[in-house]
Protein backbone atom coordinates (compact mmCIF):
# COMPACT_ATOMS: atom_id res chain seq x y z
CA MET A 1 -110.55 96.88 -94.30
CA LYS A 2 -108.81 93.97 -95.91
CA LYS A 3 -109.53 94.62 -99.57
CA VAL A 4 -106.30 94.46 -101.58
CA MET A 5 -104.24 91.33 -101.85
CA LYS A 6 -100.52 91.55 -102.30
CA GLN A 7 -99.66 92.94 -105.72
CA SER A 8 -96.53 92.48 -107.77
CA ASN A 9 -93.98 95.26 -107.63
CA LYS A 10 -94.55 98.02 -110.14
CA PHE A 11 -91.35 97.13 -111.93
CA ALA A 12 -91.18 93.39 -111.21
CA THR A 13 -87.86 91.80 -112.10
CA ILE A 14 -87.90 89.53 -115.12
CA SER A 15 -84.65 87.80 -114.29
CA LEU A 16 -81.54 88.31 -112.22
CA PHE A 17 -79.65 88.93 -115.40
CA VAL A 18 -81.75 91.98 -116.26
CA THR A 19 -82.69 93.22 -112.80
CA ILE A 20 -81.08 96.62 -113.31
CA LEU A 21 -82.54 96.95 -116.79
CA LEU A 22 -86.13 96.32 -115.86
CA ALA A 23 -86.03 98.38 -112.71
CA SER A 24 -85.24 101.38 -114.85
CA CYS A 25 -86.81 100.63 -118.21
CA THR A 26 -90.44 99.77 -117.65
CA ASN A 27 -91.28 103.00 -119.46
CA LEU A 28 -88.98 101.83 -122.26
CA GLU A 29 -86.79 104.86 -121.78
CA VAL A 30 -83.19 103.91 -121.05
CA GLU A 31 -80.65 105.86 -119.03
CA GLN A 32 -77.07 105.42 -120.20
CA THR A 33 -75.81 104.54 -116.72
CA ASP A 34 -78.72 102.41 -115.58
CA SER A 35 -79.24 99.79 -118.22
CA LEU A 36 -77.49 96.75 -119.56
CA LEU A 37 -78.87 97.70 -122.96
CA ALA A 38 -77.25 101.10 -122.65
CA GLU A 39 -73.94 99.41 -121.98
CA GLY A 40 -74.44 97.32 -125.10
CA PHE A 41 -76.84 94.41 -124.78
CA THR A 42 -75.22 91.35 -126.36
CA GLY A 43 -77.85 88.75 -125.62
CA ILE A 44 -78.63 86.31 -122.83
CA PRO A 45 -75.53 84.09 -122.73
CA THR A 46 -76.97 80.66 -121.86
CA ALA A 47 -80.08 78.66 -122.62
CA ASP A 48 -80.67 78.15 -118.91
CA GLU A 49 -80.67 81.89 -118.27
CA ALA A 50 -83.10 82.43 -121.14
CA ALA A 51 -85.39 79.73 -119.70
CA SER A 52 -85.11 81.39 -116.28
CA GLN A 53 -86.18 84.69 -117.81
CA VAL A 54 -89.19 83.00 -119.42
CA THR A 55 -90.15 81.56 -116.05
CA ALA A 56 -89.84 84.98 -114.43
CA MET A 57 -92.04 86.52 -117.15
CA TYR A 58 -94.75 83.93 -116.55
CA ASN A 59 -94.51 84.67 -112.84
CA ASN A 60 -95.05 88.35 -113.60
CA VAL A 61 -98.09 87.53 -115.71
CA ASN A 62 -99.46 85.61 -112.73
CA GLY A 63 -99.47 88.86 -110.76
CA TYR A 64 -100.76 90.97 -113.63
CA VAL A 65 -103.76 88.71 -114.24
CA GLY A 66 -104.55 87.69 -110.67
CA ASP A 67 -104.77 91.24 -109.39
CA GLN A 68 -108.21 92.76 -108.76
CA ALA A 69 -106.94 96.19 -109.83
CA ASN A 70 -105.02 97.18 -112.97
CA LEU A 71 -105.93 95.09 -116.07
CA PHE A 72 -108.87 93.32 -114.42
CA ALA A 73 -110.32 96.62 -113.23
CA LEU A 74 -109.87 98.25 -116.64
CA SER A 75 -111.47 95.23 -118.36
CA GLU A 76 -114.46 94.70 -116.06
CA VAL A 77 -115.11 97.63 -113.69
CA THR A 78 -115.30 99.99 -116.70
CA THR A 79 -118.29 97.99 -118.00
CA ASP A 80 -121.87 97.19 -117.02
CA ALA A 81 -120.76 93.94 -115.37
CA LEU A 82 -118.94 95.30 -112.30
CA LEU A 83 -118.84 98.34 -110.06
CA VAL A 84 -117.34 99.09 -106.67
CA PRO A 85 -119.54 101.40 -104.56
CA THR A 86 -118.17 103.25 -101.57
CA ARG A 87 -119.55 101.91 -98.29
CA GLY A 88 -118.73 104.41 -95.56
CA SER A 89 -114.99 104.85 -95.99
CA ASP A 90 -114.50 101.40 -97.51
CA TRP A 91 -113.54 101.34 -101.18
CA GLY A 92 -113.41 105.16 -101.36
CA ASP A 93 -109.76 105.20 -102.44
CA ASN A 94 -110.07 108.81 -103.66
CA GLY A 95 -112.70 107.75 -106.20
CA ILE A 96 -110.39 105.48 -108.19
CA TRP A 97 -112.97 102.67 -108.53
CA ARG A 98 -115.93 104.96 -109.21
CA GLN A 99 -114.03 106.76 -111.98
CA LEU A 100 -113.62 103.52 -113.88
CA HIS A 101 -117.31 102.62 -113.82
CA GLN A 102 -118.35 106.20 -114.59
CA HIS A 103 -115.81 106.59 -117.43
CA SER A 104 -114.37 109.71 -115.78
CA TRP A 105 -110.75 108.53 -115.52
CA THR A 106 -107.79 110.81 -116.30
CA PRO A 107 -104.23 110.21 -117.54
CA GLU A 108 -103.11 110.17 -113.90
CA HIS A 109 -105.24 107.16 -112.93
CA SER A 110 -102.83 104.74 -111.24
CA TYR A 111 -104.35 101.55 -112.68
CA ILE A 112 -103.95 102.92 -116.20
CA LEU A 113 -100.30 103.69 -115.49
CA ASN A 114 -99.75 100.24 -113.97
CA VAL A 115 -101.20 98.44 -116.99
CA TRP A 116 -99.00 100.51 -119.29
CA ASN A 117 -95.88 99.72 -117.26
CA GLN A 118 -96.53 96.04 -116.65
CA TRP A 119 -97.41 94.88 -120.14
CA ASN A 120 -94.77 97.02 -121.86
CA GLU A 121 -92.26 95.51 -119.45
CA LEU A 122 -93.41 92.06 -120.55
CA GLN A 123 -92.81 92.70 -124.23
CA LEU A 124 -89.34 94.19 -123.59
CA GLY A 125 -88.28 91.19 -121.52
CA ALA A 126 -89.57 88.85 -124.21
CA SER A 127 -87.64 90.76 -126.86
CA GLU A 128 -84.42 90.02 -124.99
CA VAL A 129 -85.10 86.29 -125.12
CA LEU A 130 -85.97 86.58 -128.82
CA ASP A 131 -82.85 88.59 -129.66
CA SER A 132 -80.76 86.57 -132.12
CA ARG A 133 -77.73 87.07 -129.88
CA SER A 134 -79.41 85.23 -127.01
CA ALA A 135 -78.78 81.51 -126.50
CA SER A 136 -82.46 80.69 -126.21
CA SER A 137 -83.82 77.21 -126.79
CA THR A 138 -86.59 76.54 -129.28
CA GLU A 139 -89.16 76.28 -126.50
CA SER A 140 -87.97 79.48 -124.82
CA ILE A 141 -88.33 81.25 -128.16
CA GLY A 142 -91.88 79.92 -128.46
CA HIS A 143 -92.87 81.12 -125.00
CA ALA A 144 -91.17 84.49 -125.40
CA ALA A 145 -92.87 85.06 -128.75
CA PHE A 146 -96.23 84.24 -127.23
CA LEU A 147 -95.67 86.50 -124.22
CA ARG A 148 -94.50 89.38 -126.41
CA ALA A 149 -97.58 88.95 -128.58
CA LEU A 150 -99.73 89.00 -125.45
CA GLY A 151 -98.02 92.11 -124.10
CA VAL A 152 -98.38 93.99 -127.38
CA PHE A 153 -102.02 92.85 -127.64
CA VAL A 154 -102.89 94.20 -124.19
CA ILE A 155 -101.26 97.57 -124.88
CA LEU A 156 -102.84 97.86 -128.34
CA ASP A 157 -106.26 96.88 -127.05
CA ASN A 158 -106.21 99.38 -124.18
CA PHE A 159 -104.16 102.25 -125.56
CA GLY A 160 -104.06 101.94 -129.35
CA GLN A 161 -100.31 102.73 -129.37
CA VAL A 162 -97.46 100.37 -128.55
CA PRO A 163 -93.94 101.65 -127.84
CA PHE A 164 -91.69 98.94 -129.24
CA ARG A 165 -87.97 98.77 -128.59
CA ASP A 166 -85.69 96.81 -130.87
CA THR A 167 -83.02 95.34 -128.58
CA GLN A 168 -80.46 95.72 -131.39
CA SER A 169 -81.11 99.41 -131.98
CA ASP A 170 -79.48 102.34 -130.21
CA PRO A 171 -80.66 102.03 -126.60
CA LEU A 172 -80.80 105.81 -126.27
CA ALA A 173 -83.18 106.20 -129.21
CA ASP A 174 -86.86 106.67 -128.45
CA PRO A 175 -88.81 103.47 -129.04
CA VAL A 176 -90.82 103.38 -132.24
CA VAL A 177 -94.59 103.39 -131.75
CA LEU A 178 -96.72 100.75 -133.44
CA THR A 179 -100.37 101.49 -134.19
CA GLY A 180 -103.17 99.90 -136.17
CA GLU A 181 -102.15 97.37 -138.77
CA ASP A 182 -98.45 97.61 -137.90
CA ALA A 183 -99.18 96.55 -134.34
CA VAL A 184 -101.45 93.75 -135.54
CA ALA A 185 -98.74 92.53 -137.90
CA GLN A 186 -96.24 92.46 -135.04
CA ILE A 187 -98.58 90.36 -132.91
CA LEU A 188 -99.44 87.94 -135.71
CA GLY A 189 -95.77 87.52 -136.62
CA ASP A 190 -94.91 86.66 -133.04
CA LEU A 191 -97.81 84.21 -132.87
CA ASP A 192 -96.51 82.48 -136.00
CA THR A 193 -93.21 81.99 -134.17
CA ALA A 194 -94.99 80.93 -131.00
CA GLU A 195 -97.18 78.34 -132.68
CA SER A 196 -94.18 76.86 -134.49
CA ASN A 197 -92.12 76.52 -131.33
CA LEU A 198 -94.57 75.92 -128.48
CA PRO A 199 -95.46 72.39 -127.41
CA ALA A 200 -98.86 70.92 -128.17
CA ALA A 201 -101.02 69.82 -125.26
CA ALA A 202 -104.23 67.87 -125.49
CA ALA A 203 -107.35 68.94 -123.63
CA GLY A 204 -107.27 68.07 -119.96
CA SER A 205 -103.55 68.80 -119.63
CA ASP A 206 -102.12 71.02 -116.93
CA ASN A 207 -102.00 74.08 -119.18
CA ARG A 208 -100.37 76.59 -116.86
CA ARG A 209 -98.13 77.75 -119.68
CA ALA A 210 -98.97 78.60 -123.25
CA THR A 211 -99.30 75.87 -125.85
CA LYS A 212 -100.06 75.81 -129.55
CA ALA A 213 -103.75 75.98 -128.66
CA ALA A 214 -103.18 79.15 -126.62
CA ALA A 215 -101.33 80.75 -129.53
CA ARG A 216 -104.23 79.90 -131.85
CA PHE A 217 -106.72 81.28 -129.32
CA LEU A 218 -104.88 84.61 -129.05
CA ARG A 219 -104.54 84.80 -132.82
CA ALA A 220 -108.30 84.31 -133.19
CA LYS A 221 -108.90 87.04 -130.61
CA VAL A 222 -106.66 89.48 -132.52
CA LEU A 223 -108.27 88.69 -135.88
CA LEU A 224 -111.76 89.10 -134.44
CA ASN A 225 -110.80 92.59 -133.26
CA ARG A 226 -108.60 93.54 -136.20
CA HIS A 227 -111.17 95.88 -137.75
CA ILE A 228 -111.29 97.76 -134.45
CA TYR A 229 -107.51 98.09 -134.24
CA ASN A 230 -106.92 99.14 -137.86
CA GLY A 231 -110.01 101.36 -138.06
CA SER A 232 -111.44 99.66 -141.14
CA GLY A 233 -114.89 99.55 -139.56
CA SER A 234 -115.87 96.05 -140.62
CA ALA A 235 -114.37 92.60 -140.26
CA ALA A 236 -112.60 91.16 -143.30
CA ALA A 237 -114.11 87.92 -144.57
CA SER A 238 -110.64 86.34 -144.74
CA ASP A 239 -110.03 87.12 -141.07
CA MET A 240 -113.35 85.58 -140.06
CA THR A 241 -112.61 82.47 -142.11
CA GLU A 242 -109.29 82.15 -140.29
CA VAL A 243 -110.95 82.57 -136.89
CA ILE A 244 -113.26 79.68 -137.69
CA SER A 245 -110.33 77.54 -138.83
CA LEU A 246 -108.31 78.37 -135.72
CA VAL A 247 -111.15 77.34 -133.42
CA ASP A 248 -111.58 74.12 -135.38
CA GLU A 249 -107.86 73.42 -134.94
CA ILE A 250 -108.22 73.94 -131.18
CA ALA A 251 -111.19 71.57 -131.12
CA ALA A 252 -109.18 68.98 -133.02
CA GLU A 253 -106.87 68.75 -129.99
CA GLY A 254 -109.83 67.63 -127.87
CA TYR A 255 -110.92 70.96 -126.41
CA GLU A 256 -114.69 71.13 -126.18
CA LEU A 257 -117.70 72.60 -124.40
CA THR A 258 -117.95 70.91 -121.04
CA ALA A 259 -120.97 70.45 -118.78
CA GLY A 260 -120.87 71.61 -115.18
CA TYR A 261 -120.34 75.35 -115.49
CA PHE A 262 -118.95 76.16 -112.05
CA ASP A 263 -116.76 73.05 -112.09
CA LEU A 264 -114.74 74.89 -114.73
CA PHE A 265 -113.54 77.28 -112.02
CA THR A 266 -112.11 74.66 -109.68
CA PRO A 267 -108.47 73.49 -109.77
CA ASP A 268 -109.51 70.22 -111.45
CA ALA A 269 -108.50 69.64 -115.07
CA ASN A 270 -111.21 69.88 -117.72
CA ASN A 271 -111.52 69.89 -121.49
CA GLU A 272 -112.35 73.58 -121.75
CA MET A 273 -109.18 74.93 -120.17
CA ILE A 274 -106.78 76.20 -122.84
CA TRP A 275 -104.63 78.28 -120.49
CA TYR A 276 -105.00 79.01 -116.81
CA ILE A 277 -102.88 81.28 -114.66
CA PRO A 278 -101.40 79.65 -111.51
CA THR A 279 -102.24 82.60 -109.31
CA SER A 280 -104.51 82.85 -106.29
CA VAL A 281 -108.22 83.27 -106.97
CA GLY A 282 -108.68 84.87 -103.54
CA ASN A 283 -109.27 88.31 -105.03
CA ARG A 284 -112.17 87.00 -107.12
CA ILE A 285 -113.73 85.46 -103.99
CA PHE A 286 -113.26 87.94 -101.19
CA ASN A 287 -113.59 91.25 -103.04
CA THR A 288 -117.32 90.59 -103.50
CA LEU A 289 -118.32 88.80 -100.27
CA HIS A 290 -119.57 90.56 -97.16
CA TYR A 291 -117.36 90.65 -94.09
CA ASN A 292 -119.63 88.02 -92.45
CA SER A 293 -120.15 85.80 -95.51
CA THR A 294 -117.59 83.22 -94.46
CA GLU A 295 -115.03 82.55 -91.75
CA LEU A 296 -112.43 81.76 -94.40
CA GLY A 297 -109.80 84.39 -95.08
CA GLY A 298 -111.06 86.50 -92.21
CA GLY A 299 -114.28 87.28 -94.11
CA GLY A 300 -115.02 89.14 -97.33
CA TRP A 301 -114.04 92.69 -98.29
CA ASN A 302 -117.57 93.79 -99.32
CA GLY A 303 -116.80 95.57 -102.55
CA PHE A 304 -117.37 94.30 -106.09
CA SER A 305 -120.99 94.02 -107.25
CA THR A 306 -122.95 94.01 -110.49
CA LEU A 307 -125.69 96.15 -111.96
CA ALA A 308 -129.22 94.76 -111.88
CA GLU A 309 -129.40 95.31 -115.64
CA PHE A 310 -126.50 92.90 -116.17
CA TYR A 311 -128.01 90.34 -113.81
CA ASP A 312 -131.25 90.58 -115.79
CA LEU A 313 -129.49 89.24 -118.90
CA PHE A 314 -129.88 85.78 -117.36
CA GLU A 315 -132.99 83.62 -117.22
CA GLY A 316 -134.70 83.37 -113.85
CA ASP A 317 -136.58 85.25 -111.15
CA ALA A 318 -135.47 88.87 -110.95
CA ASN A 319 -135.45 88.95 -107.16
CA ASN A 320 -134.42 85.44 -106.12
CA ASN A 321 -131.59 83.14 -107.14
CA ARG A 322 -131.96 80.19 -104.79
CA GLY A 323 -130.85 76.60 -105.11
CA LEU A 324 -129.51 73.56 -103.31
CA ASN A 325 -125.90 72.51 -103.01
CA ASN A 326 -126.70 69.37 -105.03
CA GLY A 327 -127.28 71.63 -108.06
CA THR A 328 -131.10 71.80 -107.93
CA LEU A 329 -132.15 75.33 -108.88
CA SER A 330 -135.28 76.88 -107.35
CA ASP A 331 -136.04 80.07 -109.27
CA GLY A 332 -136.09 79.09 -112.94
CA GLN A 333 -132.56 80.34 -113.46
CA GLU A 334 -130.10 79.03 -115.99
CA GLU A 335 -127.06 77.25 -114.59
CA ARG A 336 -124.65 80.14 -115.21
CA ARG A 337 -126.60 82.49 -112.95
CA GLY A 338 -125.74 80.19 -110.06
CA PHE A 339 -127.60 79.97 -106.76
CA VAL A 340 -127.71 80.96 -103.11
CA PRO A 341 -127.84 77.79 -100.93
CA PRO A 342 -129.89 77.55 -97.73
CA GLY A 343 -126.84 76.40 -95.77
CA GLY A 344 -123.57 74.50 -96.03
CA VAL A 345 -122.50 70.97 -96.95
CA ALA A 346 -122.07 68.53 -94.06
CA TYR A 347 -118.42 67.69 -93.52
CA ASP A 348 -117.58 64.02 -94.17
CA GLY A 349 -113.79 64.09 -93.96
CA SER A 350 -113.27 64.14 -97.73
CA PHE A 351 -109.78 64.96 -98.91
CA GLY A 352 -109.25 68.64 -99.57
CA THR A 353 -112.04 69.88 -97.30
CA ASP A 354 -112.15 71.09 -93.72
CA ASP A 355 -114.96 71.89 -91.33
CA ASN A 356 -113.44 74.60 -89.14
CA ASN A 357 -114.87 72.59 -86.23
CA ASP A 358 -118.49 73.48 -87.08
CA GLY A 359 -119.47 70.30 -88.96
CA PHE A 360 -119.78 71.94 -92.40
CA VAL A 361 -117.34 72.17 -95.30
CA ASP A 362 -115.59 75.52 -95.07
CA GLY A 363 -117.13 78.07 -97.44
CA SER A 364 -119.91 75.74 -98.59
CA ASN A 365 -122.59 78.15 -97.35
CA VAL A 366 -121.44 80.60 -100.03
CA GLY A 367 -123.31 80.36 -103.31
CA TYR A 368 -122.15 80.52 -106.91
CA GLY A 369 -122.67 83.12 -109.61
CA PHE A 370 -124.94 85.95 -108.50
CA LEU A 371 -125.73 86.34 -104.81
CA ILE A 372 -128.98 88.19 -104.16
CA GLY A 373 -131.35 88.14 -101.19
CA GLN A 374 -130.79 86.51 -97.81
CA GLN A 375 -127.50 84.69 -97.22
CA TYR A 376 -127.10 81.78 -94.82
CA ALA A 377 -124.52 80.23 -92.50
CA GLY A 378 -123.44 76.61 -92.75
CA ASN A 379 -126.08 75.50 -90.24
CA GLY A 380 -128.83 77.32 -92.13
CA ALA A 381 -129.06 80.32 -89.80
CA ALA A 382 -129.76 83.61 -91.54
CA LEU A 383 -126.60 85.71 -91.63
CA THR A 384 -126.56 89.34 -90.53
CA ASP A 385 -124.40 92.32 -91.37
CA ARG A 386 -122.20 94.03 -88.79
CA GLY A 387 -125.16 96.04 -87.55
CA SER A 388 -127.18 92.86 -86.95
CA ASN A 389 -129.45 93.57 -89.92
CA PRO A 390 -130.34 90.68 -92.27
CA LEU A 391 -127.51 90.01 -94.71
CA SER A 392 -129.79 90.26 -97.73
CA PHE A 393 -128.17 91.65 -100.87
CA THR A 394 -130.31 94.08 -102.88
CA ARG A 395 -130.58 94.94 -106.56
CA GLU A 396 -130.16 98.66 -105.93
CA PHE A 397 -127.29 100.94 -104.93
CA VAL A 398 -128.65 103.74 -102.78
CA SER A 399 -127.25 106.26 -100.36
CA ALA A 400 -127.84 105.50 -96.70
CA VAL A 401 -128.23 109.26 -96.24
CA ASP A 402 -131.19 109.96 -98.53
CA ASN A 403 -132.07 106.53 -100.04
CA GLN A 404 -131.42 107.83 -103.56
CA PRO A 405 -129.41 105.95 -106.23
CA SER A 406 -125.74 106.54 -105.51
CA LEU A 407 -122.26 105.10 -105.74
CA VAL A 408 -121.29 106.66 -102.41
CA ASP A 409 -122.64 106.33 -98.87
CA ASN A 410 -123.93 102.82 -99.55
CA ASN A 411 -124.68 100.47 -96.67
CA GLU A 412 -123.25 96.96 -96.33
CA ILE A 413 -125.86 95.06 -98.37
CA THR A 414 -126.48 97.06 -101.53
CA GLY A 415 -125.70 95.36 -104.80
CA ILE A 416 -125.86 91.83 -106.19
CA ARG A 417 -122.56 90.07 -105.61
CA VAL A 418 -120.70 88.08 -108.27
CA ILE A 419 -118.59 84.98 -107.60
CA LYS A 420 -117.30 82.20 -109.85
CA TYR A 421 -114.49 80.80 -107.72
CA ASN A 422 -116.13 79.36 -104.62
CA PRO A 423 -114.23 79.27 -101.31
CA ARG A 424 -115.30 75.65 -100.78
CA ASN A 425 -112.95 74.72 -103.65
CA GLY A 426 -109.94 76.44 -102.13
CA ALA A 427 -110.11 80.01 -100.91
CA PHE A 428 -106.68 80.75 -102.34
CA ALA A 429 -106.35 78.05 -104.99
CA GLU A 430 -103.87 79.03 -107.69
CA HIS A 431 -106.01 78.41 -110.75
CA SER A 432 -107.35 81.50 -112.53
CA VAL A 433 -109.08 80.91 -115.88
CA PHE A 434 -107.70 82.97 -118.77
CA PHE A 435 -108.30 81.19 -122.11
CA ARG A 436 -111.07 78.59 -122.34
CA TYR A 437 -112.81 76.83 -125.17
CA SER A 438 -116.31 78.27 -124.69
CA ASP A 439 -114.84 81.69 -125.51
CA ALA A 440 -113.30 80.21 -128.66
CA HIS A 441 -116.63 78.56 -129.51
CA LEU A 442 -118.40 81.93 -129.27
CA MET A 443 -115.62 83.58 -131.29
CA LYS A 444 -116.37 81.05 -134.02
CA ALA A 445 -120.08 81.87 -133.82
CA GLU A 446 -119.31 85.58 -134.07
CA ALA A 447 -116.94 85.09 -137.00
CA LEU A 448 -119.66 83.12 -138.76
CA MET A 449 -122.16 85.94 -138.13
CA ARG A 450 -119.71 88.66 -139.28
CA SER A 451 -119.12 86.78 -142.52
CA GLY A 452 -122.84 86.45 -143.31
CA GLY A 453 -123.57 83.08 -141.72
CA ASP A 454 -126.06 82.02 -139.08
CA PRO A 455 -124.56 81.47 -135.61
CA THR A 456 -127.79 80.19 -134.04
CA SER A 457 -126.89 76.51 -133.87
CA LEU A 458 -123.49 77.22 -132.33
CA VAL A 459 -124.96 79.51 -129.70
CA ASN A 460 -127.72 77.04 -128.89
CA GLU A 461 -125.19 74.24 -128.55
CA LEU A 462 -123.65 76.21 -125.69
CA ARG A 463 -126.98 77.28 -124.20
CA THR A 464 -128.25 73.71 -124.09
CA ILE A 465 -125.18 72.56 -122.16
CA ARG A 466 -125.66 75.48 -119.73
CA GLY A 467 -129.33 74.73 -119.09
CA ALA A 468 -130.62 77.83 -120.91
CA THR A 469 -133.56 77.93 -123.30
CA PRO A 470 -132.47 77.68 -126.97
CA LEU A 471 -132.98 80.82 -129.06
CA GLY A 472 -135.07 80.87 -132.23
CA SER A 473 -132.50 83.08 -133.92
CA VAL A 474 -129.36 84.93 -132.89
CA SER A 475 -128.77 88.63 -133.56
CA ALA A 476 -125.65 90.64 -132.79
CA GLN A 477 -127.30 91.71 -129.53
CA ASP A 478 -128.04 88.11 -128.65
CA LEU A 479 -124.42 87.21 -129.30
CA ILE A 480 -122.87 89.86 -127.06
CA ASP A 481 -125.43 89.02 -124.38
CA GLU A 482 -124.41 85.37 -124.63
CA ARG A 483 -120.76 86.31 -124.28
CA GLY A 484 -121.69 88.31 -121.19
CA ARG A 485 -123.56 85.37 -119.67
CA GLU A 486 -120.80 82.88 -120.39
CA LEU A 487 -117.69 84.97 -119.70
CA TYR A 488 -118.64 87.43 -116.95
CA ILE A 489 -115.73 88.61 -114.76
CA GLU A 490 -113.22 86.71 -116.89
CA GLY A 491 -111.61 89.86 -118.25
CA TRP A 492 -113.23 90.19 -121.71
CA ARG A 493 -116.28 92.42 -121.18
CA ARG A 494 -114.68 95.73 -122.21
CA ASN A 495 -113.13 94.15 -125.30
CA ASP A 496 -116.47 92.63 -126.28
CA MET A 497 -118.49 95.79 -125.70
CA ILE A 498 -116.17 97.87 -127.87
CA ARG A 499 -116.32 95.34 -130.70
CA PHE A 500 -120.14 95.31 -130.57
CA GLY A 501 -120.39 99.12 -130.31
CA GLN A 502 -121.82 99.11 -126.77
CA TYR A 503 -119.01 100.38 -124.57
CA THR A 504 -120.27 103.96 -124.80
CA LYS A 505 -123.92 103.13 -124.12
CA ASP A 506 -125.61 104.47 -121.00
CA TRP A 507 -125.72 102.40 -117.83
CA GLU A 508 -126.47 103.25 -114.23
CA PHE A 509 -124.03 105.77 -112.74
CA LYS A 510 -122.10 106.43 -115.95
CA ASP A 511 -121.26 110.13 -116.39
CA ASP A 512 -123.61 111.79 -118.85
CA ALA A 513 -120.64 113.29 -120.70
CA ALA A 514 -119.20 109.82 -121.33
CA VAL A 515 -122.34 108.40 -122.97
CA GLY A 516 -121.65 108.13 -126.71
CA ASP A 517 -118.04 109.33 -126.32
CA THR A 518 -115.99 106.92 -128.46
CA ASN A 519 -112.79 108.53 -127.20
CA ARG A 520 -113.32 106.33 -124.14
CA HIS A 521 -112.64 103.25 -126.27
CA LEU A 522 -108.98 103.89 -125.48
CA PHE A 523 -107.36 104.85 -122.22
CA PRO A 524 -105.06 107.87 -122.10
CA ILE A 525 -101.33 107.44 -122.49
CA PRO A 526 -99.87 108.17 -119.04
CA SER A 527 -98.67 111.77 -118.99
CA THR A 528 -95.14 110.87 -117.94
CA GLN A 529 -94.74 108.62 -120.99
CA ILE A 530 -95.73 111.38 -123.40
CA ILE A 531 -92.88 113.44 -121.99
CA LEU A 532 -90.36 110.60 -122.11
CA ASN A 533 -91.13 109.40 -125.64
CA PRO A 534 -92.04 112.11 -128.19
CA ASN A 535 -93.11 109.38 -130.64
CA LEU A 536 -96.22 108.90 -128.49
CA VAL A 537 -99.24 111.13 -129.13
CA GLN A 538 -101.95 111.52 -126.51
CA ASN A 539 -105.18 109.78 -127.45
CA PRO A 540 -108.12 112.02 -128.46
CA GLY A 541 -110.28 113.34 -125.65
CA TYR A 542 -107.49 113.56 -123.08
């Protein structure tokens, strides 16, 4: 089965200059004979080489973010928003996907190890550009500071401990380990540098690299989670005030809530996009679609689905999610829940479309958002699965052996499918959303709530634009639900659930032993890293 797109190498090279270093030092342990640092790192000699290293780091981030495994899997499949059932032998993979949804992972889980390696590699490469002995330009310093802040943020958020190597210290010394407030201070310091040195870019720009707005967005994200990272238990009023100010500064550059929800996930510029990753969105399309859903890309991979309880967070009929390709919705659903069309869009020769010789725009028979019930071909014919049964996606996950709820032995149609990037807009378009303004807008609403204010008007401003019924008042539960509705499968669900105290709640198929276990807020430090760096201490529960 075609289910995994090409991934970046485990130890992707940051630049030719440091090829040997990064091939051996992803774990931040340096062998005397293998590393340029071990031989005495003296800086990157030219500004062009520093800029080349920055480019290579951004290219690595493209792979890290665009992958369906690793960080995306840890951020979404470990939540109530996504799961990957085993269908026959497809998606079995020795239980690696089921373990994430069930919260039964171990320190040997390969995606956990990959996230550790990739994002620690990023911060080490950025440190080389930021080394005072390197001939880095102002802009390279800004980008490197931002990327190091991002790398440290990802490791802190997922593991709670960040091995940090000073490029001017003894390369044979074990890296120091930053935790809690020290790690937060490191991130915020780098973001100060980033914001000072990065270019500004108004809304609607081609923001494929970080800008001042992206630095402010990441700073707001860190401050919103600071009480989680430092263990204080409650958000500081000063942090929440700063979050609000940061979002207002982003808005002052023209970023704003934008109508047309699914248009935000096309390659076209819009005023919500703060930072997108120029990496293929093919994973986000094909990992959820059935093998017969579309002729594009050789068909879907029939994997990723959502729980009915997550789908039920949205307004609309519980069992139908129909609509027309002109945007008319048939089942009372809000715009963000999307629709299943009754067929495709007639091909008219428009630029950027093709008809695959069948008279319909390629992929236009595929719906948006949540796909439930009967699916249709471009000509309106009801699609079937590979056994000639109706291709009608169900709410439930049940075993084909005994018809009982199960994550194994599922048939081809169990589970509501989730899709934001539609194949009609480019099956492999390189435009993956990472930071967008609606997230910032909801961060502002949350900061207002956590500092004693009323977020109702801010939340309703978004809901009105998305065609959802305004709320009479907004509680903490309403706010995390709204974040789920707005930001599903964008990589923030785990982070949000931890902050709102809901990551350990029960959901279908979660292991009983994991319910209420706050040790699962952090992933285990990979066992090999504990051995290599004695400054690391295994997280509780592992």
